[in-house]
Each structure stands twice: as C-alpha cells, then as structure tokens.
Amino acid sequence: MLVKVQTWVKNRETDEFVGVGARFGPIIESKEKHANRTGLLIADPFDCCTPLKEKVAGEVLLVQRGDCKFTTKAKVAEDAGASAIIILNNRHELYKMVCDQNETDLDINIPAVLLPKDAGTILQGLLSLGKVSVQLYSPDRPLVDTAEVFLWLMAVGTILGASYWSAWSAREALIEQEKLLKDGHESSVNIEAEGSTGMVDITMTSAMLFIVVASLFLVMLYKLMSHWFVELLVVIFCIGGVEGLQTCLVALLSRWFKPAARSFVKVPFFGAVSYLTLAVCPFCIVSAVLWAVYRRMPYAWIGQDVLVSAVL
C-alpha cells in the first residue's frame, strides 16, 4: 500500500514523499481533502524502541529503523500519544512492514509509514528550518491508469508512425528513381541503390553478443543495485535519450527545413554536423536534464515515456 506524505514548513507547502504503509494498524485515509494535517516531531530516543522521554499531544513521530520490530516502534509511539509514526529506512529502497506470525494479539491503532533514506534526510533538514506539518493519505488506484493508456497510445503511435515513415520513404525513393531514369541517369541510380540499401545485417555473432551483454547488464542490475548505480543508469539513459530524441526530431524536421538539413559545419570531435542538428541539440539536452532533475515528480513519467520512445 503506497502512502503519500505531504509536508509543510511554517504553513508553506514543500516536498511530497511516497512511502509504504504497514500491514498492521488502521486503514489510512484515501482522500487528500479528508486527511488531517498534523505536526511532525523527532522521537527521543530516535529508534523508538523504548518509552519516549516525553509524551506528545497527537503529533506524528519521526523514528529511525532498526534495533527492534516495526510493531514495537508503533506500540511505543502510540503509548506516547502519537497519532502516526513515520519510520525512516536505512537504505534507499522500501520494504513491506509486516508483523511476525506469532504476533496475533496486536492492538495498534495508529498508522505506520516507511520512507526511503533520502526522504528521511530531507525531512530532517526541513525540521531544522522550523515547525513541520505532514499529511498522510493513501489514494485509491484508479481502474484505468492514465499512464498505461498513454503508454499504449505511444506504442501504437510509434508502430504506425514507423510504418508510415517507411512507406513514405520508399515512395519518395521510387519517385526520385523514376525521375533519374527519365533523365537518363541509369548508372548513377545503380550506384546509389548499391550504396544505400537501408538494410542492416544481423549475424549470429552479433546476436549472441547482444544476448551476452544484455545478460551481464541484468546481473549488474541485480548485484549492484545501489544509489550510485541508479544515478549512473539515469546518466546513461539521458545520453541515449538525447541521441534518440535528436535523431527523431532531425528526421522529422528535415522535411520542412531542407536547407538547414543539407548545410553542414565542421565541429571538433564530431566532424560534419548539419545546422538543423545544431539547432535541435540544445532542446534535446535541456529536455533530458529537466527529466533527470524532476524525475521524482508525479508528472515525470511523461518525459520518461517520450525519451524511451525516442531511444527505441
């Protein structure tokens, strides 16, 4: 169960985090407008494994994971008067918060939420700025996910666009060939046809190499799934997204800006580059960088889907 945690600092709305709700305790409110805004305090002791030094008056307690069970932390927080408990994970990943099989007589009446390590760092920084309030709610999943519909439309659109593009290119090549034949340039037509077939040969060696590289990459994802590796994947994805988006835009815009597409300038380390490519490149770089910076926002999936389609 995913839980959203909206924060306010001195009554000013700030960051929103996504965590995992516990399998024990009450059901968290699903509507944002019905969820209560409550003050946030750091538990003392921070692990919340022993009774707190001071009682609280219905605030939400921020505690550190470890040293005892999740249920113990929730029970200690409830006994201290807390209305909810937010547990900060010691890793960047999230885990399910469940109780043991022998814990059948639990009587926990406050919700518990687990947040990743980076969210905990930000929350502690917000607490140093002043009074912090939080709002916990778990929105219901819609029957039809907008992101899934958008992905389906992009997939179908990509296939239809590629089919139309291929047919259009073949038609233009045929028309150009007929013009050259009418002008009597048969030899040049043969040379051009031999030099640009538009076909890519995939040998058995290249196919096996692709399988090996893909398998090794999956093993790396499984073994090295850490914060720095995720950041490295983001950088690699952005580079590929810039290349793919640039290729798509240049191919699309070259139909309307033929002079710019056919005019070239020599760029160090890259060689001859068209003016159209130079004009499109900054837009592609800015798009990828903006997605990387705001990739944790709720609307970031739009940019991610666009970059994925461009790469494919």
Protein backbone atom coordinates (compact mmCIF):
# COMPACT_ATOMS: atom_id res chain seq x y z
CA MET A 1 0.00 0.00 0.00
CA LEU A 2 1.59 3.24 -1.15
CA VAL A 3 1.21 6.28 1.09
CA LYS A 4 1.82 9.90 0.14
CA VAL A 5 3.36 12.21 2.72
CA GLN A 6 2.83 15.91 2.00
CA THR A 7 4.90 18.34 4.09
CA TRP A 8 4.56 21.96 5.16
CA VAL A 9 7.21 24.17 6.75
CA LYS A 10 5.81 27.15 8.64
CA ASN A 11 2.46 26.64 6.83
CA ARG A 12 4.20 26.72 3.45
CA GLU A 13 3.73 23.63 1.29
CA THR A 14 7.02 21.94 0.43
CA ASP A 15 8.01 18.41 -0.60
CA GLU A 16 5.86 15.34 -1.08
CA PHE A 17 7.21 11.83 -0.47
CA VAL A 18 5.92 8.36 -1.29
CA GLY A 19 6.27 5.56 1.23
CA VAL A 20 4.84 2.16 2.10
CA GLY A 21 2.10 1.66 4.66
CA ALA A 22 2.24 -1.09 7.27
CA ARG A 23 0.17 -4.27 7.10
CA PHE A 24 -0.90 -3.61 10.70
CA GLY A 25 -2.75 -0.69 12.22
CA PRO A 26 -5.78 1.22 10.88
CA ILE A 27 -6.54 1.99 7.24
CA ILE A 28 -5.04 5.31 6.12
CA GLU A 29 -7.38 7.94 4.68
CA SER A 30 -7.63 7.70 0.88
CA LYS A 31 -8.80 11.26 0.14
CA GLU A 32 -6.31 14.10 0.43
CA LYS A 33 -9.01 16.61 1.37
CA HIS A 34 -10.11 14.43 4.30
CA ALA A 35 -6.62 13.75 5.66
CA ASN A 36 -5.56 15.70 8.75
CA ARG A 37 -2.52 17.97 8.77
CA THR A 38 -0.51 17.14 11.88
CA GLY A 39 2.74 18.39 13.37
CA LEU A 40 5.91 16.31 12.98
CA LEU A 41 8.36 15.61 15.81
CA ILE A 42 11.56 13.57 16.08
CA ALA A 43 11.25 10.73 18.56
CA ASP A 44 13.51 10.71 21.61
CA PRO A 45 15.07 8.14 21.59
CA PHE A 46 15.26 8.20 17.81
CA ASP A 47 14.84 4.43 17.37
CA CYS A 48 11.58 4.48 19.39
CA CYS A 49 12.31 1.05 20.86
CA THR A 50 11.97 2.17 24.47
CA PRO A 51 9.40 4.51 26.09
CA LEU A 52 9.84 8.13 25.00
CA LYS A 53 11.28 10.66 27.41
CA GLU A 54 8.30 12.97 26.91
CA LYS A 55 4.69 12.45 25.91
CA VAL A 56 3.35 14.01 22.71
CA ALA A 57 -0.03 15.56 22.00
CA GLY A 58 -1.19 13.81 18.84
CA GLU A 59 1.80 14.67 16.67
CA VAL A 60 3.34 12.36 14.07
CA LEU A 61 6.63 10.85 15.25
CA LEU A 62 9.68 10.52 13.01
CA VAL A 63 11.76 7.49 14.01
CA GLN A 64 14.76 5.57 12.68
CA ARG A 65 14.52 1.96 11.52
CA GLY A 66 16.45 -0.70 13.43
CA ASP A 67 17.09 -2.15 16.90
CA CYS A 68 13.53 -3.51 17.27
CA LYS A 69 10.44 -4.60 15.36
CA PHE A 70 8.16 -2.28 13.43
CA THR A 71 5.30 -3.26 15.70
CA THR A 72 7.33 -2.36 18.79
CA LYS A 73 8.04 1.12 17.41
CA ALA A 74 4.38 1.66 16.56
CA LYS A 75 3.23 0.50 20.01
CA VAL A 76 5.75 2.72 21.82
CA ALA A 77 4.71 5.71 19.68
CA GLU A 78 1.02 5.04 20.36
CA ASP A 79 1.63 4.77 24.10
CA ALA A 80 3.41 8.15 23.97
CA GLY A 81 0.33 9.79 22.42
CA ALA A 82 1.38 9.95 18.76
CA SER A 83 -1.26 9.94 16.02
CA ALA A 84 1.02 8.23 13.47
CA ILE A 85 4.59 7.08 13.02
CA ILE A 86 6.94 7.65 10.08
CA ILE A 87 9.86 5.21 10.01
CA LEU A 88 12.99 6.21 8.08
CA ASN A 89 14.64 3.33 6.29
CA ASN A 90 18.42 2.93 6.47
CA ARG A 91 18.51 2.22 2.73
CA HIS A 92 17.17 3.90 -0.37
CA GLU A 93 14.80 1.01 -1.07
CA LEU A 94 11.45 0.30 0.57
CA TYR A 95 10.28 -2.90 2.26
CA LYS A 96 6.94 -4.27 3.39
CA MET A 97 6.18 -3.67 7.04
CA VAL A 98 4.57 -6.80 8.41
CA CYS A 99 4.22 -8.41 11.81
CA ASP A 100 5.55 -11.81 12.84
CA GLN A 101 3.39 -14.92 12.59
CA ASN A 102 3.23 -15.26 16.38
CA GLU A 103 2.06 -11.65 16.85
CA THR A 104 -1.66 -12.35 16.75
CA ASP A 105 -2.81 -10.16 19.63
CA LEU A 106 -1.60 -6.80 18.31
CA ASP A 107 -3.66 -3.77 19.25
CA ILE A 108 -2.08 -0.93 17.27
CA ASN A 109 -4.41 1.95 16.43
CA ILE A 110 -2.07 4.39 14.67
CA PRO A 111 -0.85 4.18 11.05
CA ALA A 112 2.81 3.45 10.30
CA VAL A 113 4.62 4.54 7.13
CA LEU A 114 8.09 3.60 5.90
CA LEU A 115 10.02 6.22 3.90
CA PRO A 116 13.31 5.75 1.99
CA LYS A 117 16.60 7.05 3.33
CA ASP A 118 16.82 10.10 1.04
CA ALA A 119 13.33 11.22 2.08
CA GLY A 120 14.40 10.95 5.72
CA THR A 121 17.41 13.16 5.08
CA ILE A 122 15.18 15.82 3.51
CA LEU A 123 12.65 15.60 6.35
CA GLN A 124 15.33 16.10 8.99
CA GLY A 125 16.57 19.10 7.04
CA LEU A 126 13.06 20.57 6.96
CA LEU A 127 12.73 20.14 10.72
CA SER A 128 15.82 22.29 11.19
CA LEU A 129 14.06 25.15 9.36
CA GLY A 130 11.09 25.38 11.70
CA LYS A 131 7.75 23.77 12.51
CA VAL A 132 6.89 20.98 10.09
CA SER A 133 3.43 19.55 9.46
CA VAL A 134 2.61 16.42 7.47
CA GLN A 135 -0.46 14.94 5.83
CA LEU A 136 -0.74 11.18 5.30
CA TYR A 137 -3.11 9.68 2.74
CA SER A 138 -3.19 6.57 0.56
CA PRO A 139 -5.03 7.32 -2.73
CA ASP A 140 -7.02 4.51 -4.29
CA ARG A 141 -5.65 3.14 -7.53
CA PRO A 142 -7.94 4.00 -10.47
CA LEU A 143 -9.49 1.25 -12.56
CA VAL A 144 -7.84 2.75 -15.65
CA ASP A 145 -4.36 4.16 -15.17
CA THR A 146 -3.72 7.25 -17.29
CA ALA A 147 -0.05 6.35 -17.63
CA GLU A 148 -0.90 2.92 -19.04
CA VAL A 149 -3.28 4.44 -21.60
CA PHE A 150 -0.64 6.97 -22.59
CA LEU A 151 1.98 4.21 -22.93
CA TRP A 152 -0.38 2.18 -25.12
CA LEU A 153 -1.08 5.18 -27.34
CA MET A 154 2.64 5.90 -27.64
CA ALA A 155 3.41 2.27 -28.54
CA VAL A 156 0.67 2.10 -31.17
CA GLY A 157 1.60 5.55 -32.47
CA THR A 158 5.26 4.57 -32.75
CA ILE A 159 4.42 1.46 -34.77
CA LEU A 160 2.00 3.32 -37.05
CA GLY A 161 4.45 6.20 -37.47
CA ALA A 162 7.31 3.86 -38.32
CA SER A 163 5.16 2.01 -40.86
CA TYR A 164 4.00 5.25 -42.46
CA TRP A 165 7.54 6.63 -42.44
CA SER A 166 8.91 3.52 -44.14
CA ALA A 167 6.21 3.58 -46.82
CA TRP A 168 6.69 7.32 -47.38
CA SER A 169 10.47 6.95 -47.71
CA ALA A 170 10.09 4.06 -50.16
CA ARG A 171 7.63 6.10 -52.21
CA GLU A 172 9.94 9.11 -52.31
CA ALA A 173 12.87 6.91 -53.31
CA LEU A 174 10.79 5.36 -56.11
CA ILE A 175 9.71 8.77 -57.39
CA GLU A 176 13.31 10.02 -57.32
CA GLN A 177 14.47 6.91 -59.16
CA GLU A 178 11.82 7.37 -61.85
CA LYS A 179 12.90 10.99 -62.33
CA LEU A 180 16.52 9.94 -62.74
CA LEU A 181 15.55 7.21 -65.20
CA LYS A 182 13.59 9.69 -67.27
CA ASP A 183 16.63 11.98 -67.33
CA GLY A 184 18.85 9.09 -68.46
CA HIS A 185 20.95 8.76 -65.30
CA GLU A 186 20.72 4.99 -65.07
CA SER A 187 24.32 4.49 -63.96
CA SER A 188 24.02 6.90 -61.05
CA VAL A 189 20.80 5.19 -59.98
CA ASN A 190 22.55 1.84 -59.84
CA ILE A 191 25.43 3.24 -57.80
CA GLU A 192 23.06 4.96 -55.38
CA ALA A 193 20.94 1.82 -54.97
CA GLU A 194 24.01 -0.24 -54.19
CA GLY A 195 25.40 2.28 -51.68
CA SER A 196 22.23 2.91 -49.64
CA THR A 197 20.08 -0.16 -49.29
CA GLY A 198 18.79 0.83 -45.85
CA MET A 199 19.25 -2.75 -44.65
CA VAL A 200 21.12 -3.86 -41.55
CA ASP A 201 22.61 -7.36 -41.50
CA ILE A 202 22.37 -9.14 -38.13
CA THR A 203 24.78 -12.05 -37.96
CA MET A 204 24.77 -14.93 -35.49
CA THR A 205 27.83 -13.44 -33.78
CA SER A 206 26.22 -10.05 -33.26
CA ALA A 207 23.01 -11.67 -31.96
CA MET A 208 24.91 -13.81 -29.45
CA LEU A 209 26.99 -10.81 -28.38
CA PHE A 210 23.80 -8.84 -27.74
CA ILE A 211 22.40 -11.67 -25.58
CA VAL A 212 25.62 -11.89 -23.55
CA VAL A 213 25.84 -8.13 -22.99
CA ALA A 214 22.14 -7.92 -22.05
CA SER A 215 22.53 -10.82 -19.60
CA LEU A 216 25.58 -9.25 -17.97
CA PHE A 217 23.73 -5.98 -17.65
CA LEU A 218 20.81 -7.72 -15.92
CA VAL A 219 23.25 -9.37 -13.50
CA MET A 220 24.79 -5.97 -12.76
CA LEU A 221 21.33 -4.55 -12.11
CA TYR A 222 20.66 -7.34 -9.61
CA LYS A 223 24.05 -7.32 -7.87
CA LEU A 224 24.91 -3.62 -7.93
CA MET A 225 21.51 -2.07 -7.33
CA SER A 226 22.69 0.79 -5.14
CA HIS A 227 22.18 4.55 -5.14
CA TRP A 228 25.28 5.34 -7.21
CA PHE A 229 24.40 2.67 -9.78
CA VAL A 230 20.88 4.06 -10.17
CA GLU A 231 22.35 7.53 -10.73
CA LEU A 232 24.71 6.05 -13.34
CA LEU A 233 21.75 4.46 -15.12
CA VAL A 234 19.98 7.83 -15.12
CA VAL A 235 23.01 9.47 -16.78
CA ILE A 236 23.28 6.71 -19.40
CA PHE A 237 19.54 6.90 -20.08
CA CYS A 238 19.75 10.68 -20.52
CA ILE A 239 22.61 10.34 -23.02
CA GLY A 240 20.66 7.75 -25.00
CA GLY A 241 17.52 9.87 -24.78
CA VAL A 242 19.34 12.91 -26.16
CA GLU A 243 20.69 10.89 -29.08
CA GLY A 244 17.34 9.26 -29.84
CA LEU A 245 15.29 12.44 -29.50
CA GLN A 246 17.75 14.33 -31.67
CA THR A 247 17.62 11.66 -34.39
CA CYS A 248 13.81 11.64 -34.41
CA LEU A 249 13.46 15.43 -34.47
CA VAL A 250 16.10 15.92 -37.17
CA ALA A 251 14.49 13.28 -39.38
CA LEU A 252 11.06 14.84 -38.85
CA LEU A 253 12.04 18.49 -39.27
CA SER A 254 14.30 17.88 -42.27
CA ARG A 255 11.18 17.64 -44.44
CA TRP A 256 10.29 21.26 -43.68
CA PHE A 257 13.80 22.71 -43.21
CA LYS A 258 15.68 21.10 -46.08
CA PRO A 259 18.31 23.88 -46.50
CA ALA A 260 19.30 23.62 -42.83
CA ALA A 261 19.35 19.82 -43.02
CA ARG A 262 21.61 19.83 -46.09
CA SER A 263 24.02 22.51 -44.86
CA PHE A 264 26.89 21.25 -42.72
CA VAL A 265 29.52 22.75 -40.46
CA LYS A 266 32.62 21.05 -39.10
CA VAL A 267 32.53 20.59 -35.32
CA PRO A 268 35.61 19.43 -33.37
CA PHE A 269 35.45 15.77 -32.27
CA PHE A 270 32.16 15.30 -34.16
CA GLY A 271 33.05 16.13 -37.75
CA ALA A 272 30.45 17.47 -40.18
CA VAL A 273 27.15 18.30 -38.45
CA SER A 274 24.10 19.85 -40.09
CA TYR A 275 22.78 23.22 -38.94
CA LEU A 276 19.45 21.57 -38.16
CA THR A 277 21.17 19.14 -35.79
CA LEU A 278 22.93 22.02 -34.03
CA ALA A 279 19.61 23.82 -33.61
CA VAL A 280 17.81 20.76 -32.23
CA CYS A 281 20.60 19.51 -29.95
CA PRO A 282 20.18 22.13 -27.13
CA PHE A 283 16.46 21.38 -26.90
CA CYS A 284 17.16 17.64 -26.57
CA ILE A 285 19.81 18.20 -23.89
CA VAL A 286 17.55 20.53 -21.89
CA SER A 287 14.66 18.04 -22.12
CA ALA A 288 16.80 15.17 -20.78
CA VAL A 289 18.30 17.30 -18.00
CA LEU A 290 14.88 18.56 -16.89
CA TRP A 291 13.59 15.00 -16.70
CA ALA A 292 16.65 13.92 -14.66
CA VAL A 293 16.18 16.80 -12.20
CA TYR A 294 12.40 16.38 -11.78
CA ARG A 295 12.18 12.60 -12.32
CA ARG A 296 10.66 12.06 -8.87
CA MET A 297 7.73 14.38 -9.57
CA PRO A 298 4.29 12.85 -10.31
CA TYR A 299 4.31 14.19 -13.89
CA ALA A 300 7.86 12.99 -14.71
CA TRP A 301 6.55 9.82 -16.39
CA ILE A 302 5.54 11.89 -19.44
CA GLY A 303 9.12 12.93 -20.16
CA GLN A 304 10.36 9.43 -19.37
CA ASP A 305 7.95 7.86 -21.87
CA VAL A 306 8.96 10.37 -24.55
CA LEU A 307 12.66 9.62 -24.03
CA VAL A 308 12.03 5.86 -24.05
CA SER A 309 10.11 6.12 -27.33
CA ALA A 310 12.91 8.20 -28.82
CA VAL A 311 15.53 5.65 -27.76
CA LEU A 312 13.53 2.76 -29.21
